[in-house]
């Protein structure tokens, strides 16, 4: 299995999302899943933010692009190829102000590309190209936003991820959300992490089983 593993936390060793992502990779290996990992740390190698030249270039037919346009799109094209080449996608990030970190928004803006990760049919239908990829989103939240909790309605992260990746074809992604991890007592935080680790083990077993039946 070729796994694209993307970390987006600005923290390093203190990052909970990074730690949980490593735990998931370990769980996959314990299930005897052979992994070819393509690792990307967005905080150390951030994608460019969208500017005017990028926007113009992205919607200019490839045969009409100038050298400057191609250069403006080069990193985006590389990132698109990396997600297309993967069999599975692992994204780990903290929630920042109810959504994703800005560097992960830039990543999304770079990988949603016409004629690469989605195409438009003759009838005007948008067709995502990542239909074969499994996907797991690991997120950490300072407070508890599980269903039924007072702040559950403020989770803008989950629906935004579903919309963006659903548009490019990702079907039935898995979500493991560690919460609460910041604004909670130590005992409650540890329970949240244990729930997340157990859920990650379940996802690893599911992926291993699906791979065995391919």
N, C-alpha and C. Protein backbone atom coordinates (compact mmCIF):
# COMPACT_ATOMS: atom_id res chain seq x y z
N UNK A 1 0.85 -1.19 0.00
CA UNK A 1 0.00 0.00 0.00
C UNK A 1 0.88 1.25 0.00
N UNK A 2 0.67 2.11 -0.97
CA UNK A 2 1.39 3.37 -0.98
C UNK A 2 0.57 4.39 -0.19
N UNK A 3 1.15 4.86 0.91
CA UNK A 3 0.46 5.76 1.83
C UNK A 3 1.05 7.15 1.77
N UNK A 4 0.23 8.13 1.43
CA UNK A 4 0.65 9.52 1.52
C UNK A 4 0.28 10.01 2.92
N UNK A 5 1.29 10.30 3.72
CA UNK A 5 1.11 10.73 5.11
C UNK A 5 1.45 12.22 5.19
N UNK A 6 0.46 13.02 5.53
CA UNK A 6 0.62 14.47 5.58
C UNK A 6 0.37 14.98 7.00
N UNK A 7 1.38 15.64 7.58
CA UNK A 7 1.23 16.29 8.89
C UNK A 7 1.09 17.79 8.68
N UNK A 8 0.20 18.41 9.49
CA UNK A 8 -0.02 19.85 9.33
C UNK A 8 0.05 20.61 10.65
N UNK A 9 0.52 19.97 11.72
CA UNK A 9 0.61 20.67 13.00
C UNK A 9 1.86 21.53 13.07
N UNK A 10 1.73 22.78 13.57
CA UNK A 10 2.91 23.62 13.73
C UNK A 10 3.80 23.16 14.88
N UNK A 11 3.28 22.28 15.72
CA UNK A 11 4.09 21.74 16.81
C UNK A 11 4.91 20.56 16.27
N UNK A 12 5.99 20.26 16.97
CA UNK A 12 6.82 19.13 16.55
C UNK A 12 6.61 17.96 17.50
N UNK A 13 7.50 17.75 18.43
CA UNK A 13 7.39 16.60 19.32
C UNK A 13 6.20 16.70 20.27
N UNK A 14 5.70 17.90 20.52
CA UNK A 14 4.57 18.07 21.43
C UNK A 14 3.24 17.90 20.72
N UNK A 15 3.26 17.63 19.43
CA UNK A 15 2.03 17.55 18.65
C UNK A 15 1.28 16.24 18.92
N UNK A 16 0.04 16.36 19.31
CA UNK A 16 -0.79 15.17 19.53
C UNK A 16 -1.20 14.55 18.20
N UNK A 17 -1.55 15.37 17.22
CA UNK A 17 -1.98 14.82 15.93
C UNK A 17 -0.85 14.04 15.26
N UNK A 18 0.38 14.53 15.37
CA UNK A 18 1.52 13.80 14.80
C UNK A 18 1.72 12.47 15.52
N UNK A 19 1.59 12.49 16.84
CA UNK A 19 1.75 11.27 17.61
C UNK A 19 0.69 10.24 17.24
N UNK A 20 -0.55 10.68 17.07
CA UNK A 20 -1.61 9.76 16.70
C UNK A 20 -1.42 9.21 15.29
N UNK A 21 -0.90 10.03 14.40
CA UNK A 21 -0.62 9.55 13.04
C UNK A 21 0.44 8.46 13.05
N UNK A 22 1.48 8.67 13.87
CA UNK A 22 2.52 7.63 13.98
C UNK A 22 1.93 6.35 14.58
N UNK A 23 1.01 6.52 15.52
CA UNK A 23 0.35 5.35 16.12
C UNK A 23 -0.43 4.59 15.06
N UNK A 24 -1.10 5.30 14.18
CA UNK A 24 -1.88 4.63 13.14
C UNK A 24 -0.97 3.86 12.19
N UNK A 25 0.15 4.45 11.80
CA UNK A 25 1.09 3.75 10.93
C UNK A 25 1.59 2.48 11.62
N UNK A 26 1.86 2.58 12.91
CA UNK A 26 2.29 1.40 13.67
C UNK A 26 1.20 0.34 13.68
N UNK A 27 -0.05 0.76 13.83
CA UNK A 27 -1.17 -0.19 13.82
C UNK A 27 -1.27 -0.91 12.48
N UNK A 28 -1.07 -0.17 11.39
CA UNK A 28 -1.10 -0.80 10.06
C UNK A 28 -0.02 -1.87 9.94
N UNK A 29 1.16 -1.54 10.42
CA UNK A 29 2.27 -2.50 10.32
C UNK A 29 2.00 -3.73 11.18
N UNK A 30 1.34 -3.53 12.31
CA UNK A 30 1.00 -4.68 13.16
C UNK A 30 -0.02 -5.59 12.47
N UNK A 31 -0.77 -5.01 11.52
CA UNK A 31 -1.73 -5.80 10.75
C UNK A 31 -1.07 -6.41 9.50
N UNK A 32 0.26 -6.31 9.45
CA UNK A 32 1.05 -6.87 8.34
C UNK A 32 0.74 -6.20 7.00
N UNK A 33 0.40 -4.93 7.06
CA UNK A 33 0.20 -4.15 5.83
C UNK A 33 1.57 -3.64 5.38
N UNK A 34 1.97 -4.00 4.19
CA UNK A 34 3.24 -3.52 3.65
C UNK A 34 3.06 -2.09 3.16
N UNK A 35 3.86 -1.19 3.71
CA UNK A 35 3.69 0.23 3.45
C UNK A 35 4.86 0.82 2.67
N UNK A 36 4.50 1.61 1.69
CA UNK A 36 5.45 2.47 0.98
C UNK A 36 4.99 3.89 1.31
N UNK A 37 5.68 4.56 2.24
CA UNK A 37 5.19 5.83 2.77
C UNK A 37 5.82 7.02 2.05
N UNK A 38 4.96 7.87 1.55
CA UNK A 38 5.35 9.16 0.98
C UNK A 38 4.98 10.20 2.04
N UNK A 39 5.98 10.76 2.72
CA UNK A 39 5.72 11.63 3.86
C UNK A 39 5.87 13.10 3.48
N UNK A 40 4.94 13.91 3.96
CA UNK A 40 4.96 15.35 3.70
C UNK A 40 4.64 16.10 4.97
N UNK A 41 5.57 16.93 5.42
CA UNK A 41 5.35 17.81 6.56
C UNK A 41 5.08 19.21 6.01
N UNK A 42 3.83 19.62 6.07
CA UNK A 42 3.45 20.89 5.44
C UNK A 42 4.07 22.09 6.14
N UNK A 43 4.43 21.96 7.41
CA UNK A 43 5.02 23.10 8.11
C UNK A 43 6.47 23.31 7.71
N UNK A 44 7.13 22.25 7.26
CA UNK A 44 8.52 22.38 6.82
C UNK A 44 8.62 22.58 5.31
N UNK A 45 7.62 22.16 4.59
CA UNK A 45 7.63 22.29 3.13
C UNK A 45 6.25 22.75 2.67
N UNK A 46 5.88 23.98 3.03
CA UNK A 46 4.52 24.45 2.77
C UNK A 46 4.26 24.73 1.30
N UNK A 47 3.03 24.45 0.86
CA UNK A 47 2.67 24.82 -0.51
C UNK A 47 2.47 26.32 -0.61
N UNK A 48 2.54 26.84 -1.81
CA UNK A 48 2.33 28.27 -2.01
C UNK A 48 0.86 28.61 -1.84
N UNK A 49 0.60 29.81 -1.38
CA UNK A 49 -0.77 30.28 -1.32
C UNK A 49 -1.18 30.78 -2.70
N UNK A 50 -2.44 30.67 -2.98
CA UNK A 50 -2.94 31.00 -4.31
C UNK A 50 -2.81 32.49 -4.58
N UNK A 51 -2.21 32.83 -5.71
CA UNK A 51 -2.12 34.23 -6.14
C UNK A 51 -2.73 34.39 -7.53
N UNK A 52 -2.63 35.57 -8.08
CA UNK A 52 -3.29 35.86 -9.36
C UNK A 52 -2.73 35.00 -10.50
N UNK A 53 -1.41 34.88 -10.57
CA UNK A 53 -0.80 34.11 -11.66
C UNK A 53 -1.23 32.65 -11.58
N UNK A 54 -1.24 32.09 -10.37
CA UNK A 54 -1.67 30.70 -10.21
C UNK A 54 -3.09 30.53 -10.72
N UNK A 55 -3.98 31.42 -10.33
CA UNK A 55 -5.38 31.32 -10.72
C UNK A 55 -5.55 31.39 -12.24
N UNK A 56 -4.86 32.33 -12.87
CA UNK A 56 -4.94 32.45 -14.33
C UNK A 56 -4.37 31.21 -14.99
N UNK A 57 -3.23 30.74 -14.51
CA UNK A 57 -2.56 29.58 -15.11
C UNK A 57 -3.41 28.32 -14.98
N UNK A 58 -4.04 28.13 -13.82
CA UNK A 58 -4.81 26.92 -13.58
C UNK A 58 -5.97 26.77 -14.55
N UNK A 59 -6.51 27.88 -15.01
CA UNK A 59 -7.66 27.82 -15.91
C UNK A 59 -7.31 28.18 -17.35
N UNK A 60 -6.01 28.16 -17.64
CA UNK A 60 -5.55 28.32 -19.01
C UNK A 60 -5.23 26.93 -19.57
N UNK A 61 -5.73 26.57 -20.75
CA UNK A 61 -5.41 25.25 -21.31
C UNK A 61 -3.91 25.01 -21.33
N UNK A 62 -3.50 23.79 -21.03
CA UNK A 62 -2.08 23.48 -20.90
C UNK A 62 -1.26 23.90 -22.11
N UNK A 63 -1.83 23.72 -23.30
CA UNK A 63 -1.07 24.04 -24.52
C UNK A 63 -0.87 25.55 -24.69
N UNK A 64 -1.62 26.35 -23.94
CA UNK A 64 -1.52 27.80 -24.07
C UNK A 64 -0.74 28.45 -22.93
N UNK A 65 -0.27 27.67 -21.98
CA UNK A 65 0.41 28.24 -20.82
C UNK A 65 1.82 28.69 -21.18
N UNK A 66 2.21 29.80 -20.58
CA UNK A 66 3.58 30.29 -20.72
C UNK A 66 4.49 29.55 -19.75
N UNK A 67 5.77 29.75 -19.90
CA UNK A 67 6.73 29.14 -18.97
C UNK A 67 6.49 29.64 -17.55
N UNK A 68 6.14 30.92 -17.43
CA UNK A 68 5.87 31.48 -16.10
C UNK A 68 4.64 30.83 -15.47
N UNK A 69 3.64 30.56 -16.29
CA UNK A 69 2.44 29.89 -15.78
C UNK A 69 2.76 28.49 -15.30
N UNK A 70 3.53 27.76 -16.08
CA UNK A 70 3.90 26.40 -15.70
C UNK A 70 4.69 26.40 -14.40
N UNK A 71 5.56 27.39 -14.25
CA UNK A 71 6.35 27.49 -13.02
C UNK A 71 5.44 27.78 -11.83
N UNK A 72 4.44 28.62 -12.04
CA UNK A 72 3.51 28.95 -10.96
C UNK A 72 2.72 27.74 -10.50
N UNK A 73 2.50 26.79 -11.41
CA UNK A 73 1.71 25.60 -11.12
C UNK A 73 2.55 24.39 -10.73
N UNK A 74 3.86 24.51 -10.82
CA UNK A 74 4.73 23.33 -10.69
C UNK A 74 4.53 22.60 -9.36
N UNK A 75 4.52 23.30 -8.25
CA UNK A 75 4.37 22.63 -6.95
C UNK A 75 2.99 22.00 -6.84
N UNK A 76 1.99 22.71 -7.30
CA UNK A 76 0.62 22.18 -7.27
C UNK A 76 0.52 20.90 -8.08
N UNK A 77 1.11 20.90 -9.26
CA UNK A 77 1.08 19.72 -10.13
C UNK A 77 1.76 18.54 -9.45
N UNK A 78 2.86 18.81 -8.77
CA UNK A 78 3.57 17.76 -8.04
C UNK A 78 2.70 17.19 -6.92
N UNK A 79 2.04 18.05 -6.16
CA UNK A 79 1.19 17.59 -5.06
C UNK A 79 0.00 16.80 -5.59
N UNK A 80 -0.58 17.24 -6.68
CA UNK A 80 -1.69 16.50 -7.29
C UNK A 80 -1.24 15.09 -7.67
N UNK A 81 -0.06 14.98 -8.24
CA UNK A 81 0.44 13.67 -8.64
C UNK A 81 0.66 12.78 -7.44
N UNK A 82 1.11 13.36 -6.35
CA UNK A 82 1.35 12.56 -5.14
C UNK A 82 0.06 12.00 -4.57
N UNK A 83 -1.01 12.79 -4.58
CA UNK A 83 -2.28 12.24 -4.06
C UNK A 83 -2.87 11.23 -5.03
N UNK A 84 -2.68 11.46 -6.33
CA UNK A 84 -3.19 10.52 -7.32
C UNK A 84 -2.44 9.19 -7.30
N UNK A 85 -1.15 9.24 -7.00
CA UNK A 85 -0.33 8.02 -6.99
C UNK A 85 -0.57 7.17 -5.75
N UNK A 86 -1.09 7.77 -4.69
CA UNK A 86 -1.26 7.06 -3.42
C UNK A 86 -2.43 6.09 -3.50
N UNK A 87 -2.31 5.01 -2.71
CA UNK A 87 -3.44 4.09 -2.51
C UNK A 87 -4.28 4.53 -1.32
N UNK A 88 -3.64 5.22 -0.38
CA UNK A 88 -4.33 5.65 0.83
C UNK A 88 -3.75 6.99 1.27
N UNK A 89 -4.60 7.78 1.93
CA UNK A 89 -4.23 9.13 2.34
C UNK A 89 -4.41 9.25 3.85
N UNK A 90 -3.39 9.73 4.53
CA UNK A 90 -3.44 9.95 5.98
C UNK A 90 -3.13 11.42 6.24
N UNK A 91 -4.10 12.14 6.78
CA UNK A 91 -3.94 13.55 7.07
C UNK A 91 -4.11 13.77 8.56
N UNK A 92 -3.14 14.42 9.19
CA UNK A 92 -3.19 14.68 10.63
C UNK A 92 -3.04 16.18 10.88
N UNK A 93 -3.94 16.72 11.70
CA UNK A 93 -3.91 18.17 11.92
C UNK A 93 -4.66 18.54 13.20
N UNK A 94 -4.31 19.67 13.79
CA UNK A 94 -5.12 20.21 14.88
C UNK A 94 -6.24 21.07 14.30
N UNK A 95 -7.29 21.26 15.07
CA UNK A 95 -8.30 22.24 14.70
C UNK A 95 -7.79 23.62 15.11
N UNK A 96 -7.83 24.57 14.18
CA UNK A 96 -7.47 25.95 14.48
C UNK A 96 -8.70 26.83 14.28
N UNK A 97 -9.20 27.38 15.36
CA UNK A 97 -10.35 28.28 15.27
C UNK A 97 -11.50 27.68 14.48
N UNK A 98 -11.84 26.45 14.84
CA UNK A 98 -13.00 25.72 14.34
C UNK A 98 -12.83 25.12 12.95
N UNK A 99 -11.63 25.28 12.34
CA UNK A 99 -11.40 24.70 11.02
C UNK A 99 -9.96 24.19 10.96
N UNK A 100 -9.41 24.05 9.73
CA UNK A 100 -8.06 23.49 9.61
C UNK A 100 -7.00 24.58 9.66
N UNK A 101 -5.75 24.19 9.92
CA UNK A 101 -4.65 25.16 9.89
C UNK A 101 -4.54 25.79 8.50
N UNK A 102 -4.07 27.01 8.45
CA UNK A 102 -4.00 27.73 7.17
C UNK A 102 -3.12 27.01 6.16
N UNK A 103 -2.07 26.33 6.63
CA UNK A 103 -1.19 25.64 5.70
C UNK A 103 -1.91 24.45 5.05
N UNK A 104 -2.87 23.84 5.77
CA UNK A 104 -3.62 22.75 5.16
C UNK A 104 -4.65 23.29 4.17
N UNK A 105 -5.18 24.48 4.42
CA UNK A 105 -6.07 25.11 3.43
C UNK A 105 -5.29 25.37 2.14
N UNK A 106 -4.04 25.80 2.27
CA UNK A 106 -3.21 26.02 1.08
C UNK A 106 -2.99 24.71 0.34
N UNK A 107 -2.79 23.62 1.10
CA UNK A 107 -2.63 22.31 0.47
C UNK A 107 -3.87 21.94 -0.33
N UNK A 108 -5.03 22.12 0.27
CA UNK A 108 -6.29 21.82 -0.44
C UNK A 108 -6.40 22.66 -1.70
N UNK A 109 -6.08 23.95 -1.60
CA UNK A 109 -6.17 24.83 -2.77
C UNK A 109 -5.23 24.36 -3.88
N UNK A 110 -4.13 23.73 -3.51
CA UNK A 110 -3.16 23.26 -4.51
C UNK A 110 -3.55 21.94 -5.15
N UNK A 111 -4.33 21.12 -4.44
CA UNK A 111 -4.63 19.79 -5.00
C UNK A 111 -6.01 19.69 -5.65
N UNK A 112 -6.80 20.75 -5.58
CA UNK A 112 -8.06 20.74 -6.32
C UNK A 112 -7.79 21.44 -7.66
N UNK A 113 -7.49 20.63 -8.67
CA UNK A 113 -7.06 21.14 -9.96
C UNK A 113 -7.84 20.49 -11.10
N UNK A 114 -8.43 21.34 -11.93
CA UNK A 114 -9.13 20.86 -13.11
C UNK A 114 -8.18 20.09 -14.00
N UNK A 115 -8.67 19.00 -14.58
CA UNK A 115 -7.94 18.10 -15.47
C UNK A 115 -6.87 17.27 -14.75
N UNK A 116 -6.76 17.43 -13.46
CA UNK A 116 -5.84 16.59 -12.70
C UNK A 116 -6.60 15.79 -11.65
N UNK A 117 -7.10 16.46 -10.62
CA UNK A 117 -7.84 15.74 -9.57
C UNK A 117 -9.35 15.77 -9.79
N UNK A 118 -9.81 16.56 -10.73
CA UNK A 118 -11.20 16.47 -11.17
C UNK A 118 -11.29 16.89 -12.63
N UNK A 119 -12.29 16.37 -13.30
CA UNK A 119 -12.54 16.75 -14.69
C UNK A 119 -14.00 17.17 -14.81
N UNK A 120 -14.28 17.89 -15.86
CA UNK A 120 -15.66 18.33 -16.13
C UNK A 120 -16.13 17.61 -17.38
N UNK A 121 -17.22 16.88 -17.25
CA UNK A 121 -17.74 16.11 -18.38
C UNK A 121 -18.39 17.03 -19.40
N UNK A 122 -18.73 16.49 -20.56
CA UNK A 122 -19.36 17.27 -21.62
C UNK A 122 -20.71 17.82 -21.19
N UNK A 123 -21.32 17.19 -20.19
CA UNK A 123 -22.61 17.66 -19.69
C UNK A 123 -22.47 18.64 -18.53
N UNK A 124 -21.22 18.96 -18.17
CA UNK A 124 -20.98 19.92 -17.10
C UNK A 124 -20.87 19.29 -15.72
N UNK A 125 -20.81 17.98 -15.64
CA UNK A 125 -20.71 17.30 -14.35
C UNK A 125 -19.26 17.26 -13.88
N UNK A 126 -19.05 17.54 -12.59
CA UNK A 126 -17.72 17.48 -12.01
C UNK A 126 -17.44 16.05 -11.56
N UNK A 127 -16.30 15.50 -12.00
CA UNK A 127 -15.98 14.10 -11.70
C UNK A 127 -14.62 14.04 -11.01
N UNK A 128 -14.64 13.69 -9.72
CA UNK A 128 -13.40 13.56 -8.96
C UNK A 128 -12.61 12.35 -9.40
N UNK A 129 -11.29 12.45 -9.33
CA UNK A 129 -10.41 11.40 -9.83
C UNK A 129 -9.78 10.55 -8.73
N UNK A 130 -10.15 10.79 -7.47
CA UNK A 130 -9.53 10.05 -6.37
C UNK A 130 -10.50 9.00 -5.81
N UNK A 131 -11.19 8.32 -6.67
CA UNK A 131 -12.22 7.38 -6.21
C UNK A 131 -11.66 6.09 -5.63
N UNK A 132 -10.42 5.76 -5.92
CA UNK A 132 -9.86 4.50 -5.43
C UNK A 132 -9.10 4.67 -4.11
N UNK A 133 -8.84 5.88 -3.69
CA UNK A 133 -8.02 6.12 -2.50
C UNK A 133 -8.83 6.02 -1.21
N UNK A 134 -8.29 5.28 -0.24
CA UNK A 134 -8.82 5.34 1.12
C UNK A 134 -8.32 6.65 1.73
N UNK A 135 -9.04 7.16 2.72
CA UNK A 135 -8.59 8.38 3.37
C UNK A 135 -8.95 8.36 4.85
N UNK A 136 -8.01 8.83 5.67
CA UNK A 136 -8.22 8.97 7.10
C UNK A 136 -7.79 10.37 7.51
N UNK A 137 -8.67 11.05 8.23
CA UNK A 137 -8.36 12.35 8.80
C UNK A 137 -8.26 12.19 10.32
N UNK A 138 -7.10 12.53 10.86
CA UNK A 138 -6.91 12.55 12.30
C UNK A 138 -6.88 14.01 12.72
N UNK A 139 -7.81 14.39 13.60
CA UNK A 139 -7.83 15.78 14.05
C UNK A 139 -7.82 15.83 15.58
N UNK A 140 -7.28 16.91 16.09
CA UNK A 140 -7.29 17.15 17.53
C UNK A 140 -8.02 18.45 17.78
N UNK A 141 -8.85 18.45 18.83
CA UNK A 141 -9.65 19.63 19.15
C UNK A 141 -9.44 19.98 20.63
N UNK A 142 -9.31 21.27 20.90
CA UNK A 142 -9.08 21.69 22.28
C UNK A 142 -10.24 21.39 23.19
N UNK A 143 -11.45 21.51 22.66
CA UNK A 143 -12.65 21.23 23.42
C UNK A 143 -13.41 20.08 22.80
N UNK A 144 -14.43 19.60 23.49
CA UNK A 144 -15.17 18.43 23.04
C UNK A 144 -16.31 18.85 22.12
N UNK A 145 -16.23 18.45 20.86
CA UNK A 145 -17.25 18.80 19.87
C UNK A 145 -18.01 17.57 19.38
N UNK A 146 -18.00 16.52 20.17
CA UNK A 146 -18.77 15.35 19.79
C UNK A 146 -20.27 15.67 19.79
N UNK A 147 -21.03 14.88 19.05
CA UNK A 147 -22.48 15.08 18.97
C UNK A 147 -23.07 15.14 20.37
N UNK A 148 -23.93 16.12 20.58
CA UNK A 148 -24.58 16.27 21.87
C UNK A 148 -23.87 17.20 22.83
N UNK A 149 -22.63 17.57 22.52
CA UNK A 149 -21.89 18.49 23.39
C UNK A 149 -22.25 19.93 23.03
N UNK A 150 -22.12 20.86 23.98
CA UNK A 150 -22.56 22.25 23.77
C UNK A 150 -21.94 22.93 22.54
N UNK A 151 -20.70 22.58 22.18
CA UNK A 151 -20.03 23.25 21.06
C UNK A 151 -19.98 22.39 19.79
N UNK A 152 -20.77 21.33 19.74
CA UNK A 152 -20.72 20.45 18.57
C UNK A 152 -21.07 21.18 17.28
N UNK A 153 -21.94 22.19 17.38
CA UNK A 153 -22.36 22.92 16.18
C UNK A 153 -21.26 23.81 15.61
N UNK A 154 -20.16 23.96 16.33
CA UNK A 154 -19.09 24.85 15.87
C UNK A 154 -17.98 24.11 15.14
N UNK A 155 -18.18 22.83 14.89
CA UNK A 155 -17.19 22.05 14.14
C UNK A 155 -17.35 22.34 12.65
N UNK A 156 -16.56 23.29 12.16
CA UNK A 156 -16.56 23.58 10.72
C UNK A 156 -15.51 22.75 9.99
N UNK A 157 -14.67 22.05 10.75
CA UNK A 157 -13.59 21.28 10.14
C UNK A 157 -14.09 20.05 9.40
N UNK A 158 -14.90 19.23 10.06
CA UNK A 158 -15.34 17.97 9.45
C UNK A 158 -16.12 18.19 8.16
N UNK A 159 -17.16 19.05 8.15
CA UNK A 159 -17.89 19.22 6.88
C UNK A 159 -17.05 19.82 5.77
N UNK A 160 -16.10 20.68 6.13
CA UNK A 160 -15.25 21.29 5.10
C UNK A 160 -14.33 20.25 4.46
N UNK A 161 -13.76 19.36 5.28
CA UNK A 161 -12.91 18.30 4.74
C UNK A 161 -13.72 17.35 3.87
N UNK A 162 -14.91 16.99 4.32
CA UNK A 162 -15.76 16.10 3.52
C UNK A 162 -16.09 16.73 2.17
N UNK A 163 -16.38 18.03 2.17
CA UNK A 163 -16.75 18.70 0.92
C UNK A 163 -15.57 18.78 -0.03
N UNK A 164 -14.42 19.23 0.46
CA UNK A 164 -13.25 19.43 -0.40
C UNK A 164 -12.78 18.11 -1.01
N UNK A 165 -12.65 17.09 -0.18
CA UNK A 165 -12.12 15.83 -0.69
C UNK A 165 -13.19 15.01 -1.41
N UNK A 166 -14.44 15.20 -1.04
CA UNK A 166 -15.52 14.57 -1.79
C UNK A 166 -15.58 15.11 -3.21
N UNK A 167 -15.30 16.39 -3.37
CA UNK A 167 -15.32 17.00 -4.71
C UNK A 167 -14.30 16.36 -5.64
N UNK A 168 -13.16 15.94 -5.10
CA UNK A 168 -12.14 15.32 -5.95
C UNK A 168 -12.21 13.79 -5.90
N UNK A 169 -13.31 13.28 -5.36
CA UNK A 169 -13.58 11.86 -5.54
C UNK A 169 -13.43 10.96 -4.33
N UNK A 170 -12.89 11.47 -3.21
CA UNK A 170 -12.67 10.62 -2.05
C UNK A 170 -14.02 10.20 -1.46
N UNK A 171 -14.21 8.89 -1.35
CA UNK A 171 -15.49 8.35 -0.90
C UNK A 171 -15.35 7.74 0.49
N UNK A 172 -16.31 8.04 1.35
CA UNK A 172 -16.39 7.45 2.69
C UNK A 172 -15.08 7.57 3.48
N UNK A 173 -14.55 8.78 3.66
CA UNK A 173 -13.34 8.93 4.45
C UNK A 173 -13.61 8.60 5.92
N UNK A 174 -12.56 8.19 6.61
CA UNK A 174 -12.66 7.93 8.05
C UNK A 174 -12.18 9.15 8.82
N UNK A 175 -12.80 9.40 9.96
CA UNK A 175 -12.40 10.51 10.83
C UNK A 175 -12.16 9.97 12.24
N UNK A 176 -11.03 10.31 12.80
CA UNK A 176 -10.74 10.04 14.21
C UNK A 176 -10.38 11.38 14.84
N UNK A 177 -11.23 11.83 15.75
CA UNK A 177 -11.07 13.14 16.35
C UNK A 177 -10.76 13.00 17.84
N UNK A 178 -9.58 13.42 18.24
CA UNK A 178 -9.20 13.39 19.64
C UNK A 178 -9.69 14.67 20.30
N UNK A 179 -10.62 14.51 21.25
CA UNK A 179 -11.22 15.69 21.87
C UNK A 179 -11.86 15.33 23.22
N UNK A 180 -11.65 16.19 24.21
CA UNK A 180 -10.88 17.43 24.27
C UNK A 180 -9.42 17.15 24.61
N UNK A 181 -8.52 17.94 24.04
CA UNK A 181 -7.09 17.72 24.28
C UNK A 181 -6.39 18.93 24.90
N UNK A 182 -7.03 20.06 24.96
CA UNK A 182 -6.37 21.26 25.47
C UNK A 182 -7.08 21.82 26.70
N UNK A 183 -8.37 22.09 26.55
CA UNK A 183 -9.10 22.74 27.64
C UNK A 183 -9.85 21.70 28.47
N UNK A 184 -9.08 20.82 29.09
CA UNK A 184 -9.67 19.75 29.87
C UNK A 184 -8.68 19.29 30.94
N UNK A 185 -9.23 18.64 31.96
CA UNK A 185 -8.38 18.08 32.99
C UNK A 185 -7.58 16.92 32.41
N UNK A 186 -6.46 16.60 33.06
CA UNK A 186 -5.56 15.57 32.56
C UNK A 186 -6.27 14.24 32.37
N UNK A 187 -7.12 13.86 33.29
CA UNK A 187 -7.81 12.57 33.19
C UNK A 187 -8.75 12.55 31.99
N UNK A 188 -9.47 13.63 31.75
CA UNK A 188 -10.38 13.69 30.61
C UNK A 188 -9.61 13.68 29.30
N UNK A 189 -8.47 14.37 29.29
CA UNK A 189 -7.64 14.41 28.07
C UNK A 189 -7.10 13.03 27.75
N UNK A 190 -6.67 12.29 28.76
CA UNK A 190 -6.14 10.95 28.53
C UNK A 190 -7.22 10.01 28.02
N UNK A 191 -8.44 10.17 28.51
CA UNK A 191 -9.55 9.36 28.00
C UNK A 191 -9.80 9.66 26.53
N UNK A 192 -9.68 10.93 26.17
CA UNK A 192 -9.87 11.32 24.76
C UNK A 192 -8.81 10.67 23.88
N UNK A 193 -7.58 10.66 24.33
CA UNK A 193 -6.49 10.07 23.55
C UNK A 193 -6.66 8.55 23.45
N UNK A 194 -7.12 7.93 24.53
CA UNK A 194 -7.33 6.49 24.49
C UNK A 194 -8.45 6.13 23.52
N UNK A 195 -9.52 6.93 23.51
CA UNK A 195 -10.60 6.70 22.53
C UNK A 195 -10.05 6.79 21.12
N UNK A 196 -9.23 7.81 20.87
CA UNK A 196 -8.67 8.00 19.53
C UNK A 196 -7.78 6.84 19.13
N UNK A 197 -6.93 6.40 20.05
CA UNK A 197 -6.03 5.29 19.73
C UNK A 197 -6.82 4.01 19.42
N UNK A 198 -7.87 3.77 20.17
CA UNK A 198 -8.71 2.59 19.92
C UNK A 198 -9.39 2.69 18.55
N UNK A 199 -9.86 3.87 18.20
CA UNK A 199 -10.50 4.06 16.90
C UNK A 199 -9.50 3.88 15.76
N UNK A 200 -8.29 4.34 15.97
CA UNK A 200 -7.26 4.18 14.94
C UNK A 200 -6.92 2.70 14.74
N UNK A 201 -6.90 1.95 15.81
CA UNK A 201 -6.67 0.51 15.69
C UNK A 201 -7.77 -0.14 14.87
N UNK A 202 -9.01 0.31 15.07
CA UNK A 202 -10.14 -0.22 14.32
C UNK A 202 -10.01 0.09 12.83
N UNK A 203 -9.62 1.33 12.51
CA UNK A 203 -9.45 1.72 11.12
C UNK A 203 -8.33 0.90 10.47
N UNK A 204 -7.25 0.68 11.20
CA UNK A 204 -6.13 -0.11 10.66
C UNK A 204 -6.58 -1.53 10.34
N UNK A 205 -7.37 -2.12 11.23
CA UNK A 205 -7.86 -3.48 10.97
C UNK A 205 -8.77 -3.50 9.75
N UNK A 206 -9.59 -2.47 9.62
CA UNK A 206 -10.50 -2.38 8.47
C UNK A 206 -9.71 -2.26 7.16
N UNK A 207 -8.70 -1.39 7.14
CA UNK A 207 -7.90 -1.22 5.93
C UNK A 207 -7.16 -2.50 5.57
N UNK A 208 -6.63 -3.18 6.58
CA UNK A 208 -5.91 -4.43 6.32
C UNK A 208 -6.85 -5.48 5.75
N UNK A 209 -8.05 -5.57 6.29
CA UNK A 209 -9.02 -6.54 5.80
C UNK A 209 -9.42 -6.25 4.37
N UNK A 210 -9.65 -4.97 4.08
CA UNK A 210 -10.03 -4.58 2.71
C UNK A 210 -8.92 -4.88 1.73
N UNK A 211 -7.68 -4.66 2.14
CA UNK A 211 -6.55 -4.94 1.25
C UNK A 211 -6.44 -6.42 0.97
N UNK A 212 -6.70 -7.24 1.97
CA UNK A 212 -6.60 -8.69 1.80
C UNK A 212 -7.65 -9.25 0.85
N UNK A 213 -8.76 -8.51 0.69
CA UNK A 213 -9.84 -8.99 -0.18
C UNK A 213 -9.78 -8.38 -1.57
N UNK A 214 -8.77 -7.54 -1.82
CA UNK A 214 -8.65 -6.94 -3.16
C UNK A 214 -8.16 -7.96 -4.17
